PDB file of all heavy atoms in Angstrom:
ATOM      1  N   SER A   1       5.959 -16.755  10.429  1.00  0.00           N
ATOM      2  CA  SER A   1       7.212 -16.240   9.884  1.00  0.00           C
ATOM      3  C   SER A   1       8.388 -16.803  10.675  1.00  0.00           C
ATOM      4  O   SER A   1       8.361 -16.853  11.905  1.00  0.00           O
ATOM      5  CB  SER A   1       7.231 -14.710   9.950  1.00  0.00           C
ATOM      6  OG  SER A   1       8.482 -14.198   9.546  1.00  0.00           O
ATOM      7  N   SER A   2       9.436 -17.189   9.981  1.00  0.00           N
ATOM      8  CA  SER A   2      10.605 -17.784  10.633  1.00  0.00           C
ATOM      9  C   SER A   2      11.785 -16.825  10.749  1.00  0.00           C
ATOM     10  O   SER A   2      12.790 -17.160  11.383  1.00  0.00           O
ATOM     11  CB  SER A   2      11.050 -19.028   9.837  1.00  0.00           C
ATOM     12  OG  SER A   2      11.384 -18.672   8.498  1.00  0.00           O
ATOM     13  N   TRP A   3      11.670 -15.646  10.154  1.00  0.00           N
ATOM     14  CA  TRP A   3      12.789 -14.697  10.151  1.00  0.00           C
ATOM     15  C   TRP A   3      12.224 -13.304  10.368  1.00  0.00           C
ATOM     16  O   TRP A   3      11.552 -12.756   9.490  1.00  0.00           O
ATOM     17  CB  TRP A   3      13.521 -14.801   8.813  1.00  0.00           C
ATOM     18  CG  TRP A   3      14.753 -13.970   8.684  1.00  0.00           C
ATOM     19  CD1 TRP A   3      15.452 -13.329   9.667  1.00  0.00           C
ATOM     20  CD2 TRP A   3      15.448 -13.686   7.455  1.00  0.00           C
ATOM     21  NE1 TRP A   3      16.533 -12.663   9.145  1.00  0.00           N
ATOM     22  CE2 TRP A   3      16.564 -12.870   7.799  1.00  0.00           C
ATOM     23  CE3 TRP A   3      15.254 -14.050   6.126  1.00  0.00           C
ATOM     24  CZ2 TRP A   3      17.450 -12.408   6.842  1.00  0.00           C
ATOM     25  CZ3 TRP A   3      16.145 -13.587   5.171  1.00  0.00           C
ATOM     26  CH2 TRP A   3      17.237 -12.785   5.526  1.00  0.00           C
ATOM     27  N   ASN A   4      12.465 -12.737  11.560  1.00  0.00           N
ATOM     28  CA  ASN A   4      11.826 -11.486  11.947  1.00  0.00           C
ATOM     29  C   ASN A   4      12.846 -10.514  12.524  1.00  0.00           C
ATOM     30  O   ASN A   4      13.709 -10.907  13.305  1.00  0.00           O
ATOM     31  CB  ASN A   4      10.746 -11.755  13.001  1.00  0.00           C
ATOM     32  CG  ASN A   4       9.752 -12.801  12.532  1.00  0.00           C
ATOM     33  OD1 ASN A   4       8.862 -12.517  11.752  1.00  0.00           O
ATOM     34  ND2 ASN A   4       9.921 -14.026  13.021  1.00  0.00           N
ATOM     35  N   VAL A   5      12.711  -9.249  12.135  1.00  0.00           N
ATOM     36  CA  VAL A   5      13.643  -8.228  12.612  1.00  0.00           C
ATOM     37  C   VAL A   5      12.891  -6.934  12.904  1.00  0.00           C
ATOM     38  O   VAL A   5      11.844  -6.669  12.327  1.00  0.00           O
ATOM     39  CB  VAL A   5      14.746  -7.930  11.576  1.00  0.00           C
ATOM     40  CG1 VAL A   5      15.608  -9.162  11.334  1.00  0.00           C
ATOM     41  CG2 VAL A   5      14.156  -7.403  10.281  1.00  0.00           C
ATOM     42  N   PRO A   6      13.457  -6.114  13.797  1.00  0.00           N
ATOM     43  CA  PRO A   6      12.946  -4.750  13.950  1.00  0.00           C
ATOM     44  C   PRO A   6      13.613  -3.856  12.912  1.00  0.00           C
ATOM     45  O   PRO A   6      14.722  -4.148  12.466  1.00  0.00           O
ATOM     46  CB  PRO A   6      13.381  -4.372  15.360  1.00  0.00           C
ATOM     47  CG  PRO A   6      14.687  -5.095  15.528  1.00  0.00           C
ATOM     48  CD  PRO A   6      14.568  -6.375  14.729  1.00  0.00           C
ATOM     49  N   GLU A   7      12.950  -2.793  12.524  1.00  0.00           N
ATOM     50  CA  GLU A   7      13.569  -1.811  11.650  1.00  0.00           C
ATOM     51  C   GLU A   7      13.458  -0.439  12.318  1.00  0.00           C
ATOM     52  O   GLU A   7      12.380   0.142  12.364  1.00  0.00           O
ATOM     53  CB  GLU A   7      12.921  -1.823  10.262  1.00  0.00           C
ATOM     54  CG  GLU A   7      13.141  -3.151   9.537  1.00  0.00           C
ATOM     55  CD  GLU A   7      12.748  -3.109   8.068  1.00  0.00           C
ATOM     56  OE1 GLU A   7      12.368  -2.017   7.579  1.00  0.00           O
ATOM     57  OE2 GLU A   7      12.816  -4.156   7.409  1.00  0.00           O
ATOM     58  N   PRO A   8      14.561   0.059  12.877  1.00  0.00           N
ATOM     59  CA  PRO A   8      14.549   1.354  13.570  1.00  0.00           C
ATOM     60  C   PRO A   8      14.520   2.501  12.563  1.00  0.00           C
ATOM     61  O   PRO A   8      15.386   2.585  11.685  1.00  0.00           O
ATOM     62  CB  PRO A   8      15.857   1.336  14.358  1.00  0.00           C
ATOM     63  CG  PRO A   8      16.758   0.447  13.558  1.00  0.00           C
ATOM     64  CD  PRO A   8      15.890  -0.581  12.902  1.00  0.00           C
ATOM     65  N   GLU A   9      13.531   3.387  12.700  1.00  0.00           N
ATOM     66  CA  GLU A   9      13.336   4.391  11.658  1.00  0.00           C
ATOM     67  C   GLU A   9      12.966   5.757  12.234  1.00  0.00           C
ATOM     68  O   GLU A   9      12.100   5.859  13.107  1.00  0.00           O
ATOM     69  CB  GLU A   9      12.239   3.936  10.686  1.00  0.00           C
ATOM     70  CG  GLU A   9      12.503   2.541  10.121  1.00  0.00           C
ATOM     71  CD  GLU A   9      11.578   2.162   8.977  1.00  0.00           C
ATOM     72  OE1 GLU A   9      10.946   3.074   8.404  1.00  0.00           O
ATOM     73  OE2 GLU A   9      11.493   0.967   8.669  1.00  0.00           O
ATOM     74  N   LEU A  10      13.622   6.796  11.725  1.00  0.00           N
ATOM     75  CA  LEU A  10      13.148   8.141  11.977  1.00  0.00           C
ATOM     76  C   LEU A  10      11.761   8.246  11.358  1.00  0.00           C
ATOM     77  O   LEU A  10      11.548   7.862  10.200  1.00  0.00           O
ATOM     78  CB  LEU A  10      14.079   9.167  11.336  1.00  0.00           C
ATOM     79  CG  LEU A  10      13.622  10.628  11.456  1.00  0.00           C
ATOM     80  CD1 LEU A  10      13.662  11.096  12.902  1.00  0.00           C
ATOM     81  CD2 LEU A  10      14.458  11.520  10.552  1.00  0.00           C
ATOM     82  N   THR A  11      10.809   8.755  12.129  1.00  0.00           N
ATOM     83  CA  THR A  11       9.426   8.840  11.660  1.00  0.00           C
ATOM     84  C   THR A  11       8.975  10.294  11.659  1.00  0.00           C
ATOM     85  O   THR A  11       9.143  11.009  12.649  1.00  0.00           O
ATOM     86  CB  THR A  11       8.511   7.990  12.547  1.00  0.00           C
ATOM     87  OG1 THR A  11       8.972   6.628  12.507  1.00  0.00           O
ATOM     88  CG2 THR A  11       7.078   8.037  12.065  1.00  0.00           C
ATOM     89  N   LEU A  12       8.416  10.708  10.535  1.00  0.00           N
ATOM     90  CA  LEU A  12       7.978  12.087  10.348  1.00  0.00           C
ATOM     91  C   LEU A  12       6.509  12.229  10.715  1.00  0.00           C
ATOM     92  O   LEU A  12       5.722  11.300  10.508  1.00  0.00           O
ATOM     93  CB  LEU A  12       8.150  12.504   8.884  1.00  0.00           C
ATOM     94  CG  LEU A  12       9.460  12.115   8.186  1.00  0.00           C
ATOM     95  CD1 LEU A  12       9.390  12.491   6.710  1.00  0.00           C
ATOM     96  CD2 LEU A  12      10.643  12.773   8.869  1.00  0.00           C
ATOM     97  N   PHE A  13       6.137  13.406  11.244  1.00  0.00           N
ATOM     98  CA  PHE A  13       4.722  13.727  11.350  1.00  0.00           C
ATOM     99  C   PHE A  13       4.453  14.972  10.533  1.00  0.00           C
ATOM    100  O   PHE A  13       5.093  16.014  10.730  1.00  0.00           O
ATOM    101  CB  PHE A  13       4.254  13.967  12.788  1.00  0.00           C
ATOM    102  CG  PHE A  13       2.806  14.406  12.824  1.00  0.00           C
ATOM    103  CD1 PHE A  13       1.797  13.493  12.539  1.00  0.00           C
ATOM    104  CD2 PHE A  13       2.463  15.727  13.064  1.00  0.00           C
ATOM    105  CE1 PHE A  13       0.474  13.884  12.502  1.00  0.00           C
ATOM    106  CE2 PHE A  13       1.137  16.129  13.030  1.00  0.00           C
ATOM    107  CZ  PHE A  13       0.135  15.204  12.754  1.00  0.00           C
ATOM    108  N   ALA A  14       3.504  14.863   9.606  1.00  0.00           N
ATOM    109  CA  ALA A  14       3.103  15.989   8.774  1.00  0.00           C
ATOM    110  C   ALA A  14       1.627  16.267   8.986  1.00  0.00           C
ATOM    111  O   ALA A  14       0.820  15.347   9.171  1.00  0.00           O
ATOM    112  CB  ALA A  14       3.384  15.703   7.303  1.00  0.00           C
ATOM    113  N   THR A  15       1.259  17.537   8.967  1.00  0.00           N
ATOM    114  CA  THR A  15      -0.124  17.942   9.145  1.00  0.00           C
ATOM    115  C   THR A  15      -0.936  17.624   7.894  1.00  0.00           C
ATOM    116  O   THR A  15      -0.406  17.145   6.886  1.00  0.00           O
ATOM    117  CB  THR A  15      -0.207  19.444   9.431  1.00  0.00           C
ATOM    118  OG1 THR A  15       0.270  20.162   8.269  1.00  0.00           O
ATOM    119  CG2 THR A  15       0.659  19.812  10.629  1.00  0.00           C
ATOM    120  N   SER A  16      -2.230  17.925   7.948  1.00  0.00           N
ATOM    121  CA  SER A  16      -3.106  17.626   6.813  1.00  0.00           C
ATOM    122  C   SER A  16      -2.703  18.375   5.545  1.00  0.00           C
ATOM    123  O   SER A  16      -3.057  17.976   4.442  1.00  0.00           O
ATOM    124  CB  SER A  16      -4.562  17.942   7.166  1.00  0.00           C
ATOM    125  OG  SER A  16      -4.683  19.284   7.613  1.00  0.00           O
ATOM    126  N   SER A  17      -1.929  19.454   5.693  1.00  0.00           N
ATOM    127  CA  SER A  17      -1.446  20.187   4.516  1.00  0.00           C
ATOM    128  C   SER A  17      -0.155  19.600   3.964  1.00  0.00           C
ATOM    129  O   SER A  17       0.346  20.063   2.940  1.00  0.00           O
ATOM    130  CB  SER A  17      -1.209  21.658   4.882  1.00  0.00           C
ATOM    131  OG  SER A  17      -0.079  21.789   5.734  1.00  0.00           O
ATOM    132  N   GLY A  18       0.386  18.585   4.661  1.00  0.00           N
ATOM    133  CA  GLY A  18       1.655  17.994   4.247  1.00  0.00           C
ATOM    134  C   GLY A  18       2.862  18.691   4.827  1.00  0.00           C
ATOM    135  O   GLY A  18       3.995  18.418   4.415  1.00  0.00           O
ATOM    136  N   THR A  19       2.651  19.562   5.808  1.00  0.00           N
ATOM    137  CA  THR A  19       3.753  20.306   6.421  1.00  0.00           C
ATOM    138  C   THR A  19       4.404  19.491   7.529  1.00  0.00           C
ATOM    139  O   THR A  19       3.734  19.009   8.446  1.00  0.00           O
ATOM    140  CB  THR A  19       3.234  21.624   7.029  1.00  0.00           C
ATOM    141  OG1 THR A  19       2.612  22.411   6.000  1.00  0.00           O
ATOM    142  CG2 THR A  19       4.371  22.416   7.656  1.00  0.00           C
ATOM    143  N   LEU A  20       5.707  19.318   7.437  1.00  0.00           N
ATOM    144  CA  LEU A  20       6.461  18.583   8.454  1.00  0.00           C
ATOM    145  C   LEU A  20       6.602  19.447   9.702  1.00  0.00           C
ATOM    146  O   LEU A  20       7.201  20.523   9.654  1.00  0.00           O
ATOM    147  CB  LEU A  20       7.835  18.207   7.899  1.00  0.00           C
ATOM    148  CG  LEU A  20       8.831  17.552   8.859  1.00  0.00           C
ATOM    149  CD1 LEU A  20       8.286  16.236   9.397  1.00  0.00           C
ATOM    150  CD2 LEU A  20      10.176  17.330   8.162  1.00  0.00           C
ATOM    151  N   VAL A  21       6.058  18.957  10.830  1.00  0.00           N
ATOM    152  CA  VAL A  21       6.121  19.739  12.067  1.00  0.00           C
ATOM    153  C   VAL A  21       6.783  18.989  13.222  1.00  0.00           C
ATOM    154  O   VAL A  21       7.044  19.570  14.272  1.00  0.00           O
ATOM    155  CB  VAL A  21       4.717  20.212  12.514  1.00  0.00           C
ATOM    156  CG1 VAL A  21       4.116  21.166  11.489  1.00  0.00           C
ATOM    157  CG2 VAL A  21       3.794  19.036  12.781  1.00  0.00           C
ATOM    158  N   GLY A  22       7.038  17.695  13.051  1.00  0.00           N
ATOM    159  CA  GLY A  22       7.629  16.961  14.163  1.00  0.00           C
ATOM    160  C   GLY A  22       8.158  15.607  13.756  1.00  0.00           C
ATOM    161  O   GLY A  22       7.946  15.127  12.638  1.00  0.00           O
ATOM    162  N   TYR A  23       8.875  14.983  14.723  1.00  0.00           N
ATOM    163  CA  TYR A  23       9.508  13.689  14.504  1.00  0.00           C
ATOM    164  C   TYR A  23       9.233  12.774  15.698  1.00  0.00           C
ATOM    165  O   TYR A  23       9.090  13.226  16.833  1.00  0.00           O
ATOM    166  CB  TYR A  23      11.023  13.842  14.378  1.00  0.00           C
ATOM    167  CG  TYR A  23      11.501  14.815  13.328  1.00  0.00           C
ATOM    168  CD1 TYR A  23      11.650  16.166  13.628  1.00  0.00           C
ATOM    169  CD2 TYR A  23      11.836  14.385  12.047  1.00  0.00           C
ATOM    170  CE1 TYR A  23      12.119  17.068  12.676  1.00  0.00           C
ATOM    171  CE2 TYR A  23      12.306  15.281  11.085  1.00  0.00           C
ATOM    172  CZ  TYR A  23      12.444  16.617  11.409  1.00  0.00           C
ATOM    173  OH  TYR A  23      12.896  17.503  10.465  1.00  0.00           O
ATOM    174  N   THR A  24       9.208  11.491  15.441  1.00  0.00           N
ATOM    175  CA  THR A  24       9.207  10.509  16.510  1.00  0.00           C
ATOM    176  C   THR A  24      10.077   9.334  16.074  1.00  0.00           C
ATOM    177  O   THR A  24      10.676   9.351  14.995  1.00  0.00           O
ATOM    178  CB  THR A  24       7.775  10.074  16.883  1.00  0.00           C
ATOM    179  OG1 THR A  24       7.812   9.281  18.069  1.00  0.00           O
ATOM    180  CG2 THR A  24       7.111   9.296  15.764  1.00  0.00           C
ATOM    181  N   ILE A  25      10.159   8.323  16.933  1.00  0.00           N
ATOM    182  CA  ILE A  25      10.929   7.121  16.612  1.00  0.00           C
ATOM    183  C   ILE A  25       9.951   6.016  16.236  1.00  0.00           C
ATOM    184  O   ILE A  25       8.935   5.828  16.906  1.00  0.00           O
ATOM    185  CB  ILE A  25      11.787   6.684  17.813  1.00  0.00           C
ATOM    186  CG1 ILE A  25      12.758   7.793  18.208  1.00  0.00           C
ATOM    187  CG2 ILE A  25      12.563   5.398  17.494  1.00  0.00           C
ATOM    188  CD1 ILE A  25      13.497   7.533  19.509  1.00  0.00           C
ATOM    189  N   GLY A  26      10.265   5.290  15.182  1.00  0.00           N
ATOM    190  CA  GLY A  26       9.406   4.196  14.750  1.00  0.00           C
ATOM    191  C   GLY A  26      10.137   2.866  14.739  1.00  0.00           C
ATOM    192  O   GLY A  26      11.337   2.806  14.464  1.00  0.00           O
ATOM    193  N   ASN A  27       9.403   1.818  15.061  1.00  0.00           N
ATOM    194  CA  ASN A  27       9.904   0.446  14.938  1.00  0.00           C
ATOM    195  C   ASN A  27       9.000  -0.258  13.934  1.00  0.00           C
ATOM    196  O   ASN A  27       7.847  -0.578  14.229  1.00  0.00           O
ATOM    197  CB  ASN A  27       9.870  -0.268  16.290  1.00  0.00           C
ATOM    198  CG  ASN A  27      10.428  -1.685  16.226  1.00  0.00           C
ATOM    199  OD1 ASN A  27      10.770  -2.179  15.150  1.00  0.00           O
ATOM    200  ND2 ASN A  27      10.508  -2.337  17.366  1.00  0.00           N
ATOM    201  N   ASP A  28       9.520  -0.472  12.750  1.00  0.00           N
ATOM    202  CA  ASP A  28       8.791  -1.113  11.662  1.00  0.00           C
ATOM    203  C   ASP A  28       9.112  -2.606  11.694  1.00  0.00           C
ATOM    204  O   ASP A  28      10.018  -3.081  11.021  1.00  0.00           O
ATOM    205  CB  ASP A  28       9.223  -0.475  10.338  1.00  0.00           C
ATOM    206  CG  ASP A  28       8.656  -1.186   9.115  1.00  0.00           C
ATOM    207  OD1 ASP A  28       7.683  -1.946   9.260  1.00  0.00           O
ATOM    208  OD2 ASP A  28       9.201  -0.962   8.008  1.00  0.00           O
ATOM    209  N   MET A  29       8.350  -3.347  12.503  1.00  0.00           N
ATOM    210  CA  MET A  29       8.582  -4.792  12.618  1.00  0.00           C
ATOM    211  C   MET A  29       8.336  -5.464  11.266  1.00  0.00           C
ATOM    212  O   MET A  29       7.355  -5.185  10.588  1.00  0.00           O
ATOM    213  CB  MET A  29       7.670  -5.374  13.679  1.00  0.00           C
ATOM    214  CG  MET A  29       7.979  -4.890  15.087  1.00  0.00           C
ATOM    215  SD  MET A  29       9.493  -5.620  15.745  1.00  0.00           S
ATOM    216  CE  MET A  29       8.929  -7.304  16.040  1.00  0.00           C
ATOM    217  N   SER A  30       9.242  -6.378  10.896  1.00  0.00           N
ATOM    218  CA  SER A  30       9.207  -6.947   9.552  1.00  0.00           C
ATOM    219  C   SER A  30       9.438  -8.446   9.564  1.00  0.00           C
ATOM    220  O   SER A  30      10.334  -8.944  10.248  1.00  0.00           O
ATOM    221  CB  SER A  30      10.282  -6.286   8.677  1.00  0.00           C
ATOM    222  OG  SER A  30      10.061  -4.891   8.585  1.00  0.00           O
ATOM    223  N   SER A  31       8.632  -9.140   8.764  1.00  0.00           N
ATOM    224  CA  SER A  31       8.768 -10.595   8.589  1.00  0.00           C
ATOM    225  C   SER A  31       9.544 -10.836   7.306  1.00  0.00           C
ATOM    226  O   SER A  31       8.968 -10.926   6.214  1.00  0.00           O
ATOM    227  CB  SER A  31       7.387 -11.252   8.522  1.00  0.00           C
ATOM    228  OG  SER A  31       6.622 -10.945   9.663  1.00  0.00           O
ATOM    229  N   ARG A  32      10.853 -10.952   7.428  1.00  0.00           N
ATOM    230  CA  ARG A  32      11.691 -11.038   6.234  1.00  0.00           C
ATOM    231  C   ARG A  32      11.508 -12.349   5.491  1.00  0.00           C
ATOM    232  O   ARG A  32      11.661 -12.409   4.265  1.00  0.00           O
ATOM    233  CB  ARG A  32      13.162 -10.840   6.623  1.00  0.00           C
ATOM    234  CG  ARG A  32      13.468  -9.434   7.120  1.00  0.00           C
ATOM    235  CD  ARG A  32      14.947  -9.200   7.309  1.00  0.00           C
ATOM    236  NE  ARG A  32      15.670  -9.240   6.033  1.00  0.00           N
ATOM    237  CZ  ARG A  32      16.990  -9.164   5.919  1.00  0.00           C
ATOM    238  NH1 ARG A  32      17.727  -9.033   7.006  1.00  0.00           N
ATOM    239  NH2 ARG A  32      17.567  -9.199   4.740  1.00  0.00           N
TER     240      ARG A  32
END
């Protein structure tokens, strides 16, 4: 890949029931 960027993202954590209980920070590396 010749064009690459980080994607800073609020990241959710949900339990097996789909209940949102927490947050973390995510870096979604992307090959544009």
